[in-house]
Amino acid sequence: MKVCRCAYIDYDSIVESVKQFGDDLEAIQEETDAGTICEMCMFDECAKIDISVPAAIKKALEEI
């Protein structure tokens, strides 16, 4: 699943960051660059991704 098209971040990368940083959005963004370029993936309106960064973090937290 694509999470951030600009930084080429997929859901698995978010899962790994969540394992390390929990729900700390700033730390996850610093680690992955997700949501730091055009910032559209921070919202559900971006048609170029499968899941937004916040939704991916929430889903990862539920799975781990």
N, C-alpha and C. Protein backbone atom coordinates (compact mmCIF):
# COMPACT_ATOMS: atom_id res chain seq x y z
N MET A 1 0.84 -1.18 0.00
CA MET A 1 0.00 0.00 0.00
C MET A 1 0.88 1.24 0.00
N LYS A 2 0.57 2.15 -0.89
CA LYS A 2 1.29 3.42 -0.94
C LYS A 2 0.77 4.37 0.14
N VAL A 3 1.70 4.96 0.89
CA VAL A 3 1.33 5.92 1.93
C VAL A 3 1.77 7.33 1.53
N CYS A 4 2.94 7.45 0.95
CA CYS A 4 3.45 8.75 0.52
C CYS A 4 4.14 8.59 -0.83
N ARG A 5 3.53 9.13 -1.85
CA ARG A 5 4.07 9.00 -3.20
C ARG A 5 5.35 9.81 -3.38
N CYS A 6 5.38 11.00 -2.82
CA CYS A 6 6.54 11.88 -3.00
C CYS A 6 7.82 11.28 -2.43
N ALA A 7 7.71 10.64 -1.26
CA ALA A 7 8.89 10.08 -0.60
C ALA A 7 9.00 8.56 -0.83
N TYR A 8 8.11 8.01 -1.66
CA TYR A 8 8.12 6.58 -1.98
C TYR A 8 8.02 5.71 -0.73
N ILE A 9 7.09 6.06 0.16
CA ILE A 9 6.91 5.33 1.40
C ILE A 9 5.70 4.41 1.29
N ASP A 10 5.92 3.14 1.66
CA ASP A 10 4.81 2.19 1.65
C ASP A 10 4.39 1.89 3.09
N TYR A 11 3.32 1.16 3.21
CA TYR A 11 2.75 0.86 4.53
C TYR A 11 3.74 0.11 5.40
N ASP A 12 4.50 -0.81 4.85
CA ASP A 12 5.47 -1.58 5.64
C ASP A 12 6.50 -0.68 6.29
N SER A 13 6.90 0.38 5.62
CA SER A 13 7.84 1.34 6.20
C SER A 13 7.23 2.05 7.40
N ILE A 14 5.95 2.36 7.30
CA ILE A 14 5.26 3.01 8.42
C ILE A 14 5.17 2.04 9.60
N VAL A 15 4.86 0.79 9.32
CA VAL A 15 4.79 -0.22 10.39
C VAL A 15 6.11 -0.30 11.14
N GLU A 16 7.20 -0.35 10.41
CA GLU A 16 8.52 -0.43 11.05
C GLU A 16 8.80 0.82 11.90
N SER A 17 8.41 1.97 11.41
CA SER A 17 8.61 3.20 12.18
C SER A 17 7.72 3.24 13.42
N VAL A 18 6.50 2.75 13.29
CA VAL A 18 5.59 2.70 14.44
C VAL A 18 6.14 1.76 15.51
N LYS A 19 6.74 0.67 15.09
CA LYS A 19 7.35 -0.25 16.06
C LYS A 19 8.44 0.46 16.85
N GLN A 20 9.13 1.37 16.20
CA GLN A 20 10.23 2.09 16.84
C GLN A 20 9.76 3.32 17.62
N PHE A 21 8.79 4.06 17.06
CA PHE A 21 8.43 5.36 17.62
C PHE A 21 7.00 5.46 18.15
N GLY A 22 6.23 4.38 18.06
CA GLY A 22 4.84 4.44 18.52
C GLY A 22 4.03 5.39 17.66
N ASP A 23 3.24 6.23 18.29
CA ASP A 23 2.39 7.17 17.54
C ASP A 23 3.00 8.56 17.42
N ASP A 24 4.30 8.67 17.61
CA ASP A 24 5.00 9.96 17.52
C ASP A 24 5.14 10.37 16.05
N LEU A 25 4.18 11.15 15.57
CA LEU A 25 4.12 11.55 14.16
C LEU A 25 5.40 12.24 13.72
N GLU A 26 5.91 13.17 14.52
CA GLU A 26 7.12 13.90 14.14
C GLU A 26 8.31 12.96 13.96
N ALA A 27 8.46 12.00 14.85
CA ALA A 27 9.57 11.04 14.75
C ALA A 27 9.41 10.15 13.52
N ILE A 28 8.18 9.73 13.24
CA ILE A 28 7.92 8.89 12.07
C ILE A 28 8.21 9.68 10.80
N GLN A 29 7.79 10.94 10.76
CA GLN A 29 8.08 11.78 9.59
C GLN A 29 9.57 12.03 9.43
N GLU A 30 10.26 12.24 10.53
CA GLU A 30 11.71 12.47 10.46
C GLU A 30 12.42 11.22 9.94
N GLU A 31 11.96 10.05 10.37
CA GLU A 31 12.57 8.78 9.96
C GLU A 31 12.28 8.45 8.50
N THR A 32 11.03 8.72 8.04
CA THR A 32 10.60 8.25 6.72
C THR A 32 10.43 9.34 5.68
N ASP A 33 10.29 10.58 6.10
CA ASP A 33 9.95 11.72 5.24
C ASP A 33 8.50 11.69 4.76
N ALA A 34 7.71 10.74 5.23
CA ALA A 34 6.29 10.65 4.83
C ALA A 34 5.55 11.90 5.26
N GLY A 35 4.85 12.50 4.33
CA GLY A 35 4.05 13.68 4.62
C GLY A 35 4.82 14.97 4.79
N THR A 36 6.07 15.00 4.36
CA THR A 36 6.88 16.19 4.56
C THR A 36 7.16 16.97 3.28
N ILE A 37 6.80 16.42 2.14
CA ILE A 37 7.12 17.09 0.87
C ILE A 37 5.92 17.93 0.42
N CYS A 38 4.90 17.31 -0.13
CA CYS A 38 3.73 18.10 -0.55
C CYS A 38 2.64 18.09 0.53
N GLU A 39 2.77 17.19 1.48
CA GLU A 39 1.87 17.05 2.63
C GLU A 39 0.46 16.58 2.30
N MET A 40 0.17 16.26 1.06
CA MET A 40 -1.18 15.80 0.69
C MET A 40 -1.50 14.43 1.29
N CYS A 41 -0.48 13.61 1.54
CA CYS A 41 -0.74 12.28 2.11
C CYS A 41 -1.11 12.34 3.59
N MET A 42 -1.10 13.52 4.14
CA MET A 42 -1.56 13.69 5.51
C MET A 42 -3.09 13.72 5.56
N PHE A 43 -3.71 13.79 4.40
CA PHE A 43 -5.16 13.88 4.29
C PHE A 43 -5.69 12.76 3.41
N ASP A 44 -6.92 12.36 3.64
CA ASP A 44 -7.53 11.28 2.86
C ASP A 44 -7.84 11.69 1.42
N GLU A 45 -7.77 12.97 1.10
CA GLU A 45 -8.14 13.45 -0.22
C GLU A 45 -7.12 13.13 -1.32
N CYS A 46 -5.92 12.72 -0.97
CA CYS A 46 -4.90 12.46 -1.98
C CYS A 46 -5.25 11.19 -2.76
N ALA A 47 -5.42 11.34 -4.06
CA ALA A 47 -5.80 10.21 -4.92
C ALA A 47 -4.60 9.36 -5.34
N LYS A 48 -3.39 9.79 -5.00
CA LYS A 48 -2.19 9.08 -5.44
C LYS A 48 -1.69 8.07 -4.42
N ILE A 49 -2.40 7.93 -3.30
CA ILE A 49 -2.00 6.99 -2.26
C ILE A 49 -3.15 6.04 -1.94
N ASP A 50 -2.81 4.97 -1.23
CA ASP A 50 -3.83 4.00 -0.82
C ASP A 50 -4.38 4.30 0.57
N ILE A 51 -3.54 4.92 1.42
CA ILE A 51 -3.93 5.22 2.79
C ILE A 51 -3.12 6.43 3.26
N SER A 52 -3.75 7.31 4.03
CA SER A 52 -3.05 8.51 4.50
C SER A 52 -2.05 8.14 5.59
N VAL A 53 -1.12 9.02 5.85
CA VAL A 53 -0.11 8.78 6.89
C VAL A 53 -0.77 8.57 8.25
N PRO A 54 -1.67 9.46 8.69
CA PRO A 54 -2.31 9.24 9.99
C PRO A 54 -3.09 7.91 10.06
N ALA A 55 -3.78 7.57 8.98
CA ALA A 55 -4.54 6.32 8.96
C ALA A 55 -3.60 5.11 8.98
N ALA A 56 -2.47 5.22 8.30
CA ALA A 56 -1.49 4.13 8.30
C ALA A 56 -0.89 3.94 9.69
N ILE A 57 -0.61 5.03 10.37
CA ILE A 57 -0.10 4.94 11.74
C ILE A 57 -1.11 4.28 12.64
N LYS A 58 -2.35 4.72 12.55
CA LYS A 58 -3.42 4.14 13.37
C LYS A 58 -3.57 2.65 13.10
N LYS A 59 -3.57 2.26 11.84
CA LYS A 59 -3.71 0.85 11.46
C LYS A 59 -2.53 0.05 11.99
N ALA A 60 -1.33 0.59 11.86
CA ALA A 60 -0.13 -0.11 12.34
C ALA A 60 -0.18 -0.30 13.85
N LEU A 61 -0.63 0.71 14.57
CA LEU A 61 -0.74 0.59 16.02
C LEU A 61 -1.72 -0.50 16.42
N GLU A 62 -2.79 -0.65 15.65
CA GLU A 62 -3.78 -1.70 15.94
C GLU A 62 -3.23 -3.09 15.64
N GLU A 63 -2.33 -3.19 14.67
CA GLU A 63 -1.81 -4.49 14.25
C GLU A 63 -0.65 -4.99 15.10
N ILE A 64 0.11 -4.07 15.70
CA ILE A 64 1.28 -4.53 16.46
C ILE A 64 1.00 -4.60 17.95
